[in-house]
């Protein structure tokens, strides 16, 4: 199995498991699309947005006494 296919399967397996405050919603997708001049920037901006959401989740977990951010 290619690495990309594996990543896509893992991403799809997370549908419905991500807390609402960290999931990418349709309004955010629309805004990312509108603010990105082309598809390459859209992909990069979406990745960075997801990374920032992950950092936010890690910090929240650390505050609750979980794994350190």
N, C-alpha and C. Protein backbone atom coordinates (compact mmCIF):
# COMPACT_ATOMS: atom_id res chain seq x y z
N UNK A 1 0.85 -1.17 0.00
CA UNK A 1 0.00 0.00 0.00
C UNK A 1 0.90 1.24 0.00
N UNK A 2 0.55 2.21 -0.83
CA UNK A 2 1.37 3.43 -0.87
C UNK A 2 1.16 4.23 0.41
N UNK A 3 2.15 5.04 0.73
CA UNK A 3 2.07 5.86 1.95
C UNK A 3 0.90 6.83 1.87
N UNK A 4 0.66 7.41 0.70
CA UNK A 4 -0.43 8.37 0.56
C UNK A 4 -1.78 7.70 0.79
N UNK A 5 -1.95 6.51 0.23
CA UNK A 5 -3.21 5.79 0.43
C UNK A 5 -3.41 5.50 1.92
N UNK A 6 -2.35 5.12 2.61
CA UNK A 6 -2.43 4.85 4.03
C UNK A 6 -2.82 6.11 4.81
N UNK A 7 -2.25 7.25 4.45
CA UNK A 7 -2.57 8.52 5.11
C UNK A 7 -4.03 8.87 4.88
N UNK A 8 -4.51 8.70 3.66
CA UNK A 8 -5.91 9.01 3.35
C UNK A 8 -6.83 8.10 4.15
N UNK A 9 -6.51 6.82 4.22
CA UNK A 9 -7.33 5.89 5.01
C UNK A 9 -7.35 6.28 6.48
N UNK A 10 -6.19 6.66 7.02
CA UNK A 10 -6.13 7.09 8.43
C UNK A 10 -6.96 8.35 8.64
N UNK A 11 -6.86 9.31 7.71
CA UNK A 11 -7.64 10.54 7.82
C UNK A 11 -9.14 10.23 7.78
N UNK A 12 -9.54 9.37 6.86
CA UNK A 12 -10.95 9.02 6.74
C UNK A 12 -11.45 8.25 7.97
N UNK A 13 -10.56 7.51 8.62
CA UNK A 13 -10.97 6.76 9.82
C UNK A 13 -11.24 7.70 10.99
N UNK A 14 -10.81 8.94 10.90
CA UNK A 14 -11.01 9.91 11.97
C UNK A 14 -12.33 10.67 11.85
N UNK A 15 -13.05 10.48 10.75
CA UNK A 15 -14.31 11.18 10.56
C UNK A 15 -15.25 10.85 11.73
N UNK A 16 -15.75 11.89 12.36
CA UNK A 16 -16.66 11.74 13.49
C UNK A 16 -15.96 11.55 14.83
N UNK A 17 -14.64 11.47 14.85
CA UNK A 17 -13.90 11.25 16.09
C UNK A 17 -13.18 12.50 16.60
N UNK A 18 -13.15 13.54 15.78
CA UNK A 18 -12.45 14.77 16.15
C UNK A 18 -13.43 15.69 16.86
N UNK A 19 -13.07 16.22 18.04
CA UNK A 19 -13.96 17.14 18.75
C UNK A 19 -14.32 18.34 17.86
N UNK A 20 -15.54 18.81 17.97
CA UNK A 20 -16.06 19.88 17.10
C UNK A 20 -15.16 21.11 17.08
N UNK A 21 -14.56 21.47 18.17
CA UNK A 21 -13.72 22.66 18.23
C UNK A 21 -12.44 22.54 17.43
N UNK A 22 -12.10 21.34 17.00
CA UNK A 22 -10.85 21.11 16.27
C UNK A 22 -11.07 20.62 14.85
N UNK A 23 -12.30 20.31 14.50
CA UNK A 23 -12.61 19.80 13.16
C UNK A 23 -12.69 20.97 12.18
N UNK A 24 -12.32 20.75 10.95
CA UNK A 24 -12.42 21.73 9.89
C UNK A 24 -13.86 21.76 9.41
N UNK A 25 -14.54 22.90 9.58
CA UNK A 25 -15.94 22.96 9.18
C UNK A 25 -16.08 23.61 7.80
N UNK A 26 -17.28 23.60 7.23
CA UNK A 26 -17.47 24.09 5.87
C UNK A 26 -17.19 25.58 5.74
N UNK A 27 -17.49 26.37 6.76
CA UNK A 27 -17.20 27.80 6.71
C UNK A 27 -15.69 28.04 6.64
N UNK A 28 -14.93 27.26 7.39
CA UNK A 28 -13.48 27.38 7.36
C UNK A 28 -12.91 26.93 6.02
N UNK A 29 -13.48 25.87 5.45
CA UNK A 29 -13.05 25.41 4.13
C UNK A 29 -13.30 26.51 3.11
N UNK A 30 -14.49 27.12 3.16
CA UNK A 30 -14.83 28.19 2.22
C UNK A 30 -13.87 29.37 2.37
N UNK A 31 -13.57 29.73 3.61
CA UNK A 31 -12.66 30.85 3.83
C UNK A 31 -11.24 30.53 3.33
N UNK A 32 -10.77 29.32 3.62
CA UNK A 32 -9.46 28.91 3.11
C UNK A 32 -9.44 28.96 1.58
N UNK A 33 -10.50 28.50 0.96
CA UNK A 33 -10.60 28.50 -0.50
C UNK A 33 -10.58 29.93 -1.05
N UNK A 34 -11.36 30.82 -0.42
CA UNK A 34 -11.45 32.20 -0.88
C UNK A 34 -10.13 32.96 -0.73
N UNK A 35 -9.38 32.65 0.33
CA UNK A 35 -8.15 33.39 0.63
C UNK A 35 -6.92 32.78 -0.05
N UNK A 36 -7.07 31.64 -0.68
CA UNK A 36 -5.94 30.98 -1.34
C UNK A 36 -5.97 31.27 -2.83
N UNK A 37 -4.87 31.78 -3.39
CA UNK A 37 -4.87 32.15 -4.80
C UNK A 37 -4.93 30.96 -5.78
N UNK A 38 -4.55 29.77 -5.33
CA UNK A 38 -4.59 28.60 -6.19
C UNK A 38 -4.64 27.35 -5.33
N UNK A 39 -4.75 26.17 -5.98
CA UNK A 39 -4.90 24.90 -5.25
C UNK A 39 -3.69 24.57 -4.38
N UNK A 40 -2.51 24.91 -4.86
CA UNK A 40 -1.31 24.61 -4.08
C UNK A 40 -1.31 25.37 -2.77
N UNK A 41 -1.67 26.66 -2.83
CA UNK A 41 -1.76 27.45 -1.60
C UNK A 41 -2.89 26.94 -0.71
N UNK A 42 -3.98 26.53 -1.31
CA UNK A 42 -5.10 25.99 -0.53
C UNK A 42 -4.66 24.77 0.26
N UNK A 43 -3.94 23.88 -0.38
CA UNK A 43 -3.46 22.67 0.31
C UNK A 43 -2.52 23.06 1.44
N UNK A 44 -1.58 23.95 1.17
CA UNK A 44 -0.64 24.39 2.21
C UNK A 44 -1.33 25.10 3.34
N UNK A 45 -2.25 26.00 3.02
CA UNK A 45 -2.98 26.72 4.06
C UNK A 45 -3.83 25.77 4.90
N UNK A 46 -4.42 24.78 4.26
CA UNK A 46 -5.23 23.80 5.00
C UNK A 46 -4.36 22.97 5.93
N UNK A 47 -3.18 22.58 5.46
CA UNK A 47 -2.26 21.83 6.31
C UNK A 47 -1.85 22.67 7.52
N UNK A 48 -1.48 23.92 7.28
CA UNK A 48 -1.07 24.79 8.39
C UNK A 48 -2.20 25.01 9.38
N UNK A 49 -3.42 25.18 8.86
CA UNK A 49 -4.58 25.33 9.73
C UNK A 49 -4.75 24.08 10.60
N UNK A 50 -4.64 22.91 9.99
CA UNK A 50 -4.76 21.66 10.74
C UNK A 50 -3.67 21.53 11.79
N UNK A 51 -2.46 21.94 11.42
CA UNK A 51 -1.35 21.90 12.38
C UNK A 51 -1.64 22.80 13.57
N UNK A 52 -2.12 24.01 13.30
CA UNK A 52 -2.45 24.94 14.39
C UNK A 52 -3.58 24.39 15.26
N UNK A 53 -4.56 23.75 14.65
CA UNK A 53 -5.65 23.14 15.42
C UNK A 53 -5.09 22.01 16.30
N UNK A 54 -4.15 21.25 15.77
CA UNK A 54 -3.51 20.19 16.55
C UNK A 54 -2.73 20.74 17.72
N UNK A 55 -2.03 21.84 17.50
CA UNK A 55 -1.28 22.49 18.59
C UNK A 55 -2.25 22.99 19.66
N UNK A 56 -3.37 23.56 19.23
CA UNK A 56 -4.38 24.03 20.17
C UNK A 56 -4.92 22.87 21.01
N UNK A 57 -5.17 21.74 20.36
CA UNK A 57 -5.66 20.56 21.07
C UNK A 57 -4.61 20.03 22.04
N UNK A 58 -3.34 20.03 21.63
CA UNK A 58 -2.27 19.53 22.51
C UNK A 58 -2.12 20.43 23.73
N UNK A 59 -2.22 21.73 23.55
CA UNK A 59 -2.12 22.65 24.69
C UNK A 59 -3.29 22.46 25.64
N UNK A 60 -4.49 22.27 25.09
CA UNK A 60 -5.67 22.03 25.93
C UNK A 60 -5.50 20.74 26.72
N UNK A 61 -4.97 19.70 26.08
CA UNK A 61 -4.73 18.42 26.76
C UNK A 61 -3.70 18.59 27.87
N UNK A 62 -2.66 19.37 27.59
CA UNK A 62 -1.62 19.60 28.60
C UNK A 62 -2.19 20.33 29.82
N UNK A 63 -3.08 21.28 29.56
CA UNK A 63 -3.71 22.01 30.68
C UNK A 63 -4.55 21.09 31.54
N UNK A 64 -5.14 20.07 30.91
CA UNK A 64 -5.96 19.11 31.66
C UNK A 64 -5.10 18.06 32.36
N UNK A 65 -3.79 18.16 32.21
CA UNK A 65 -2.91 17.22 32.86
C UNK A 65 -2.53 16.03 32.03
N UNK A 66 -2.77 16.10 30.74
CA UNK A 66 -2.42 15.01 29.83
C UNK A 66 -0.99 15.14 29.34
N UNK A 67 -0.77 14.70 28.14
CA UNK A 67 0.56 14.73 27.51
C UNK A 67 1.01 16.18 27.34
N UNK A 68 2.30 16.42 27.51
CA UNK A 68 2.84 17.77 27.37
C UNK A 68 2.84 18.21 25.92
N UNK A 69 2.56 19.50 25.70
CA UNK A 69 2.52 20.09 24.34
C UNK A 69 3.91 20.43 23.87
